[in-house]
């Protein structure tokens, strides 16, 4: 008979069950690890191996062992369904950082060590179960907390004028690469009269226990002075466009004795800041089991519309201009990030947040 795809290219087309054990024996496989649906196939697997002649081509007598497959919530591992996500343009490609593929995880910034630690933590079992995505995220978060150097990134910039510094003022600050390990060195952080902070670090009328900026409030700039908010400037539409703050020059590297300042915020110098694109990735689906949908609906109906948020014109400190593809950083107060391997421009993907926001929700 003619094969429906390759016609007469080969004279024999063995079935999977026939070829499985023979192929393993030829390739020197000692243990064939399969998911539970292959358990019923094991008697045939063993029988075929028992019929093999004594031939040097068969270098091993493999043994098949079955275990339960790894199921993660808020995602799918069915190749058929993942292919639909790619072909229907719900994701960019097989290596989209939201995909549960090795290529996707690598581009997202996950490391082999984190994946190994995750697999070791959940173990191998024969009982079907669903593993919480938070366990995978915990594995990479724990590794990067120890290894990732710290940097500052302002995602929603708000201009701040440090009014008691003149236009010629320039100071080179030293920021530790890691707060736990001084031996990992420092990087230089420039400071001038104008800086940017996160717009969310200022509220005109703050709630109680708000320890960031509001009129009359003080915060410490990371690795720098304490500043006080003196004035907020709005445009004609009522949008906040700038803060005017004064610097306490006596607080560089030390705390004041006459008052207690609790808030510490990150910032970047206006002149030396580097513009980048930030991509915030989240879970691919809005419900834990994407297959558990109402009758008449499809798993694509529960895709998370906020699984990718793109922030343009974010600002990072100048040391990140030379970041390489294999480096991962903690953007202070924001999360862990790495450069996107598919882009020539400075684009950073969020590997994981600083904490499990889904658990809190």
Protein backbone atom coordinates (compact mmCIF):
# COMPACT_ATOMS: atom_id res chain seq x y z
CA UNK A 1 0.00 0.00 0.00
CA UNK A 2 1.06 3.56 -0.59
CA UNK A 3 1.68 5.67 2.50
CA UNK A 4 -0.71 8.63 2.56
CA UNK A 5 2.14 11.12 3.01
CA UNK A 6 5.48 9.65 1.92
CA UNK A 7 4.10 7.21 -0.69
CA UNK A 8 6.81 4.61 -1.50
CA UNK A 9 9.81 6.30 0.13
CA UNK A 10 10.09 3.36 2.55
CA UNK A 11 9.06 -0.26 2.12
CA UNK A 12 7.80 -0.70 5.69
CA UNK A 13 6.02 1.60 8.13
CA UNK A 14 6.01 0.05 11.61
CA UNK A 15 3.38 1.10 14.13
CA UNK A 16 4.42 3.07 17.19
CA UNK A 17 3.93 0.12 19.55
CA UNK A 18 6.09 -2.11 17.34
CA UNK A 19 8.87 0.43 16.86
CA UNK A 20 8.98 1.80 20.41
CA UNK A 21 10.86 -1.01 22.18
CA UNK A 22 13.06 -1.90 19.21
CA UNK A 23 14.15 1.70 18.74
CA UNK A 24 14.94 1.99 22.47
CA UNK A 25 17.02 -1.19 22.36
CA UNK A 26 19.03 0.01 19.34
CA UNK A 27 19.65 3.45 20.87
CA UNK A 28 20.81 2.09 24.22
CA UNK A 29 17.86 3.35 26.24
CA UNK A 30 17.78 1.71 29.66
CA UNK A 31 14.61 3.26 31.07
CA UNK A 32 11.72 4.42 28.91
CA UNK A 33 9.77 6.92 31.03
CA UNK A 34 6.19 7.36 29.84
CA UNK A 35 3.02 8.98 31.05
CA UNK A 36 0.23 6.80 32.45
CA UNK A 37 -1.66 6.30 29.19
CA UNK A 38 1.19 4.00 28.04
CA UNK A 39 0.68 1.58 30.93
CA UNK A 40 -1.66 -0.61 28.87
CA UNK A 41 0.99 -0.75 26.12
CA UNK A 42 3.72 -2.13 28.40
CA UNK A 43 2.88 -5.88 27.92
CA UNK A 44 3.30 -5.48 24.14
CA UNK A 45 6.46 -3.40 24.69
CA UNK A 46 7.96 -6.21 26.82
CA UNK A 47 6.75 -9.00 24.52
CA UNK A 48 8.36 -7.50 21.42
CA UNK A 49 11.66 -7.02 23.27
CA UNK A 50 11.54 -10.67 24.37
CA UNK A 51 11.27 -11.77 20.71
CA UNK A 52 14.36 -9.88 19.58
CA UNK A 53 17.22 -12.08 18.39
CA UNK A 54 20.63 -12.02 20.03
CA UNK A 55 22.14 -9.26 17.90
CA UNK A 56 24.85 -6.69 18.69
CA UNK A 57 22.56 -4.01 17.26
CA UNK A 58 20.37 -4.31 20.35
CA UNK A 59 22.62 -2.76 22.96
CA UNK A 60 20.17 -2.66 25.87
CA UNK A 61 17.08 -4.31 27.29
CA UNK A 62 14.93 -1.26 28.08
CA UNK A 63 12.39 -1.13 30.85
CA UNK A 64 9.25 1.00 30.62
CA UNK A 65 8.03 2.92 33.68
CA UNK A 66 4.93 5.11 33.78
CA UNK A 67 4.23 8.23 35.83
CA UNK A 68 1.58 10.92 35.97
CA UNK A 69 2.06 13.84 33.59
CA UNK A 70 2.77 17.32 34.89
CA UNK A 71 -0.32 19.50 34.79
CA UNK A 72 -0.06 23.21 35.62
CA UNK A 73 -2.99 25.47 36.39
CA UNK A 74 -3.62 28.63 34.35
CA UNK A 75 -2.01 27.06 31.28
CA UNK A 76 -2.25 24.15 28.85
CA UNK A 77 0.31 21.56 27.81
CA UNK A 78 -1.69 19.98 25.00
CA UNK A 79 0.37 20.42 21.83
CA UNK A 80 -2.79 20.45 19.72
CA UNK A 81 -4.23 23.35 21.71
CA UNK A 82 -0.94 25.19 21.93
CA UNK A 83 -0.69 24.94 18.15
CA UNK A 84 -4.06 26.63 17.89
CA UNK A 85 -2.82 29.50 20.04
CA UNK A 86 0.07 29.99 17.62
CA UNK A 87 -1.84 29.51 14.37
CA UNK A 88 -4.74 31.73 15.47
CA UNK A 89 -2.30 34.48 16.57
CA UNK A 90 -3.31 34.46 20.21
CA UNK A 91 0.43 34.37 20.93
CA UNK A 92 3.42 35.46 18.86
CA UNK A 93 5.05 32.05 18.30
CA UNK A 94 6.04 28.83 20.03
CA UNK A 95 8.67 30.83 21.94
CA UNK A 96 6.22 33.47 23.14
CA UNK A 97 7.17 34.07 26.83
CA UNK A 98 3.60 33.19 27.87
CA UNK A 99 3.85 29.70 26.37
CA UNK A 100 4.68 26.67 28.59
CA UNK A 101 7.34 25.53 26.12
CA UNK A 102 11.05 25.33 26.89
CA UNK A 103 11.65 27.98 24.22
CA UNK A 104 9.00 30.22 25.77
CA UNK A 105 10.31 29.77 29.30
CA UNK A 106 13.86 30.46 28.14
CA UNK A 107 12.83 33.68 26.41
CA UNK A 108 10.82 34.68 29.48
CA UNK A 109 14.01 34.39 31.53
CA UNK A 110 13.55 31.10 33.36
CA UNK A 111 16.79 29.25 34.05
CA UNK A 112 17.56 25.52 33.81
CA UNK A 113 18.38 25.53 37.54
CA UNK A 114 14.96 26.95 38.41
CA UNK A 115 13.17 24.34 36.26
CA UNK A 116 15.18 21.54 37.89
CA UNK A 117 14.39 22.84 41.35
CA UNK A 118 10.70 23.03 40.44
CA UNK A 119 10.69 19.43 39.22
CA UNK A 120 12.51 18.25 42.33
CA UNK A 121 10.06 20.07 44.59
CA UNK A 122 6.96 18.45 43.05
CA UNK A 123 8.52 14.99 42.69
CA UNK A 124 7.33 12.10 40.51
CA UNK A 125 4.04 10.35 41.24
CA UNK A 126 1.52 8.04 39.63
CA UNK A 127 -1.52 9.97 40.85
CA UNK A 128 -2.91 12.61 38.50
CA UNK A 129 -2.70 16.07 40.01
CA UNK A 130 -2.51 19.74 39.07
CA UNK A 131 0.45 21.79 40.25
CA UNK A 132 -0.01 25.42 41.16
CA UNK A 133 1.76 27.81 38.80
CA UNK A 134 2.92 29.65 41.93
CA UNK A 135 5.34 26.78 42.65
CA UNK A 136 7.07 27.30 39.30
CA UNK A 137 7.21 31.05 39.91
CA UNK A 138 8.58 30.50 43.41
CA UNK A 139 11.47 28.47 41.99
CA UNK A 140 12.71 31.23 39.69
CA UNK A 141 11.93 33.98 42.22
CA UNK A 142 14.02 32.26 44.90
CA UNK A 143 16.97 31.82 42.55
CA UNK A 144 16.92 35.36 41.20
CA UNK A 145 16.53 36.88 44.67
CA UNK A 146 19.95 35.41 45.45
CA UNK A 147 21.62 35.96 42.09
CA UNK A 148 20.12 38.94 40.27
CA UNK A 149 21.90 42.31 40.58
CA UNK A 150 19.67 45.24 41.51
CA UNK A 151 18.89 48.09 39.15
CA UNK A 152 16.36 50.95 39.01
CA UNK A 153 13.67 51.33 36.36
CA UNK A 154 10.94 53.97 36.22
CA UNK A 155 8.00 52.62 34.23
CA UNK A 156 5.64 55.61 34.45
CA UNK A 157 7.98 58.63 34.69
CA UNK A 158 7.12 61.77 36.63
CA UNK A 159 9.60 64.65 36.40
CA UNK A 160 11.03 65.97 39.68
CA UNK A 161 13.07 69.16 40.05
CA UNK A 162 15.45 69.21 43.01
CA UNK A 163 15.15 72.91 43.58
CA UNK A 164 18.13 73.51 45.88
CA UNK A 165 20.58 71.94 43.44
CA UNK A 166 21.84 74.26 40.69
CA UNK A 167 21.98 73.38 37.00
CA UNK A 168 25.69 72.50 37.15
CA UNK A 169 25.27 70.10 40.07
CA UNK A 170 26.54 66.58 39.42
CA UNK A 171 27.13 63.73 41.85
CA UNK A 172 28.23 60.17 41.20
CA UNK A 173 26.62 57.81 43.68
CA UNK A 174 27.58 54.20 44.34
CA UNK A 175 24.79 51.64 44.37
CA UNK A 176 25.35 48.10 45.63
CA UNK A 177 24.72 45.41 43.03
CA UNK A 178 23.22 43.16 45.72
CA UNK A 179 22.17 44.18 49.24
CA UNK A 180 23.22 40.85 50.77
CA UNK A 181 26.61 40.49 49.09
CA UNK A 182 28.94 43.47 49.20
CA UNK A 183 31.61 41.44 47.42
CA UNK A 184 29.56 41.66 44.21
CA UNK A 185 30.55 45.30 43.89
CA UNK A 186 28.74 48.48 42.97
CA UNK A 187 27.71 50.49 39.93
CA UNK A 188 27.78 54.26 39.39
CA UNK A 189 24.50 56.19 39.52
CA UNK A 190 24.52 59.83 38.33
CA UNK A 191 22.47 62.55 40.03
CA UNK A 192 21.65 66.00 38.69
CA UNK A 193 19.00 68.68 39.27
CA UNK A 194 16.25 66.84 37.38
CA UNK A 195 15.24 63.22 37.98
CA UNK A 196 12.29 60.95 37.26
CA UNK A 197 10.30 58.94 39.79
CA UNK A 198 7.27 56.67 39.40
CA UNK A 199 4.09 58.68 39.02
CA UNK A 200 2.44 56.27 41.48
CA UNK A 201 4.89 57.44 44.17
CA UNK A 202 2.97 60.70 44.56
CA UNK A 203 -0.61 61.22 45.71
CA UNK A 204 -2.06 64.66 46.39
CA UNK A 205 -4.38 63.39 49.14
CA UNK A 206 -2.90 60.10 50.36
CA UNK A 207 -4.58 57.45 52.52
CA UNK A 208 -3.30 56.61 55.98
CA UNK A 209 0.06 54.83 56.23
CA UNK A 210 1.10 56.10 52.81
CA UNK A 211 4.89 56.45 53.09
CA UNK A 212 5.68 57.99 49.72
CA UNK A 213 5.40 61.53 48.40
CA UNK A 214 2.61 64.02 48.96
CA UNK A 215 2.78 67.77 49.66
CA UNK A 216 5.07 68.30 52.64
CA UNK A 217 6.11 64.63 52.87
CA UNK A 218 9.66 63.28 52.82
CA UNK A 219 11.12 60.13 51.27
CA UNK A 220 14.60 58.84 50.67
CA UNK A 221 15.79 58.41 47.12
CA UNK A 222 17.36 54.97 46.81
CA UNK A 223 21.16 55.20 47.41
CA UNK A 224 20.77 58.97 47.81
CA UNK A 225 19.39 61.89 49.83
CA UNK A 226 16.11 62.49 51.59
CA UNK A 227 13.88 64.86 49.63
CA UNK A 228 10.76 66.80 50.62
CA UNK A 229 7.85 67.50 48.25
CA UNK A 230 7.25 71.26 48.20
CA UNK A 231 4.99 71.75 45.18
CA UNK A 232 3.01 69.80 42.61
CA UNK A 233 2.55 71.34 39.15
CA UNK A 234 -0.45 70.53 36.94
CA UNK A 235 -1.20 71.39 33.32
CA UNK A 236 -4.34 73.16 32.11
CA UNK A 237 -6.15 69.82 31.87
CA UNK A 238 -5.44 69.10 35.51
CA UNK A 239 -2.80 66.44 34.81
CA UNK A 240 0.19 66.23 37.13
CA UNK A 241 3.35 67.04 35.13
CA UNK A 242 6.07 67.84 37.67
CA UNK A 243 7.07 67.96 41.33
CA UNK A 244 9.33 70.48 42.97
CA UNK A 245 11.28 68.96 45.84
CA UNK A 246 14.11 70.10 48.09
CA UNK A 247 17.08 67.97 49.07
CA UNK A 248 18.38 67.49 52.62
CA UNK A 249 22.09 67.40 51.78
CA UNK A 250 23.01 66.17 55.27
CA UNK A 251 21.25 62.83 54.76
CA UNK A 252 23.51 61.21 52.17
CA UNK A 253 24.38 57.82 53.63
CA UNK A 254 22.87 58.54 57.05
CA UNK A 255 19.51 58.99 58.74
CA UNK A 256 18.41 62.23 60.38
CA UNK A 257 18.21 62.22 64.18
CA UNK A 258 15.36 64.71 64.44
CA UNK A 259 12.75 62.83 62.38
CA UNK A 260 11.91 59.42 60.97
CA UNK A 261 11.53 58.93 57.22
CA UNK A 262 9.99 55.57 56.31
CA UNK A 263 9.59 55.70 52.53
CA UNK A 264 12.32 54.76 50.03
CA UNK A 265 11.61 55.18 46.31
CA UNK A 266 13.58 54.43 43.15
CA UNK A 267 14.46 57.04 40.54
CA UNK A 268 16.67 57.77 37.51
CA UNK A 269 18.61 60.84 36.44
CA UNK A 270 16.87 62.70 33.60
CA UNK A 271 19.99 63.33 31.50
CA UNK A 272 21.55 59.86 31.67
CA UNK A 273 18.42 57.69 31.80
CA UNK A 274 18.08 55.15 28.98
CA UNK A 275 14.69 54.70 27.28
CA UNK A 276 13.52 51.07 27.05
CA UNK A 277 10.41 49.03 26.39
CA UNK A 278 9.08 46.88 29.22
CA UNK A 279 6.90 43.82 28.61
CA UNK A 280 4.91 42.63 31.60
CA UNK A 281 3.85 39.01 31.15
CA UNK A 282 1.13 37.38 33.20
CA UNK A 283 -0.70 34.06 33.20
CA UNK A 284 -2.13 33.01 29.89
CA UNK A 285 -5.65 32.18 31.12
CA UNK A 286 -8.02 33.77 33.60
CA UNK A 287 -9.17 30.51 35.18
CA UNK A 288 -7.17 27.71 36.71
CA UNK A 289 -8.47 24.99 34.36
CA UNK A 290 -8.83 26.43 30.84
CA UNK A 291 -10.56 23.24 29.69
CA UNK A 292 -13.35 23.64 32.24
CA UNK A 293 -15.52 26.05 30.25
CA UNK A 294 -19.27 26.36 29.86
CA UNK A 295 -20.97 24.32 27.11
CA UNK A 296 -20.63 26.02 23.77
CA UNK A 297 -17.47 27.86 24.78
CA UNK A 298 -13.86 27.21 23.86
CA UNK A 299 -10.65 27.35 25.91
CA UNK A 300 -9.71 30.46 23.92
CA UNK A 301 -12.69 32.24 25.49
CA UNK A 302 -10.86 32.32 28.84
CA UNK A 303 -7.58 33.73 27.54
CA UNK A 304 -6.29 36.49 29.80
CA UNK A 305 -6.56 39.80 27.88
CA UNK A 306 -3.93 41.23 30.24
CA UNK A 307 -1.39 38.44 29.80
CA UNK A 308 0.86 40.95 28.01
CA UNK A 309 1.18 44.63 28.86
CA UNK A 310 3.68 46.68 26.83
CA UNK A 311 5.08 49.84 28.42
CA UNK A 312 7.02 52.12 26.11
CA UNK A 313 9.38 54.98 27.02
CA UNK A 314 10.29 53.50 30.38
CA UNK A 315 13.55 54.78 31.84
CA UNK A 316 16.39 52.77 33.35
CA UNK A 317 19.69 53.71 34.89
CA UNK A 318 22.60 53.95 32.40
CA UNK A 319 24.34 50.74 33.53
CA UNK A 320 21.57 48.73 31.82
CA UNK A 321 22.50 50.04 28.39
CA UNK A 322 25.04 47.23 28.04
CA UNK A 323 22.88 44.46 29.53
CA UNK A 324 23.48 41.12 27.81
CA UNK A 325 20.92 38.46 26.91
CA UNK A 326 22.04 36.05 29.62
CA UNK A 327 21.76 38.59 32.46
CA UNK A 328 18.77 38.89 34.75
CA UNK A 329 18.10 41.84 37.02
CA UNK A 330 15.83 42.82 39.84
CA UNK A 331 14.23 46.14 38.98
CA UNK A 332 13.78 47.42 42.51
CA UNK A 333 10.19 47.38 43.74
CA UNK A 334 9.02 46.00 40.37
CA UNK A 335 10.21 42.45 39.70
CA UNK A 336 12.84 40.40 37.88
CA UNK A 337 13.63 41.16 34.24
CA UNK A 338 15.85 40.04 31.36
CA UNK A 339 16.52 41.35 27.86
CA UNK A 340 14.29 39.94 25.16
CA UNK A 341 16.32 37.53 23.06
CA UNK A 342 14.31 38.16 19.88
CA UNK A 343 14.79 41.95 19.83
CA UNK A 344 17.76 44.09 18.87
CA UNK A 345 16.30 47.06 20.75
CA UNK A 346 16.46 47.43 24.52
CA UNK A 347 13.36 45.46 25.48
CA UNK A 348 13.07 43.82 28.89
CA UNK A 349 10.72 40.95 29.71
CA UNK A 350 9.41 40.50 33.22
CA UNK A 351 10.43 37.03 34.35
CA UNK A 352 8.34 37.12 37.52
CA UNK A 353 7.01 39.69 39.97
CA UNK A 354 8.58 40.28 43.38
CA UNK A 355 5.68 38.50 45.06
CA UNK A 356 2.81 36.25 44.07
CA UNK A 357 0.15 38.80 43.14
CA UNK A 358 -2.31 36.02 42.15
CA UNK A 359 -2.07 34.46 45.59
CA UNK A 360 -2.90 37.86 47.15
CA UNK A 361 -5.84 38.37 44.81
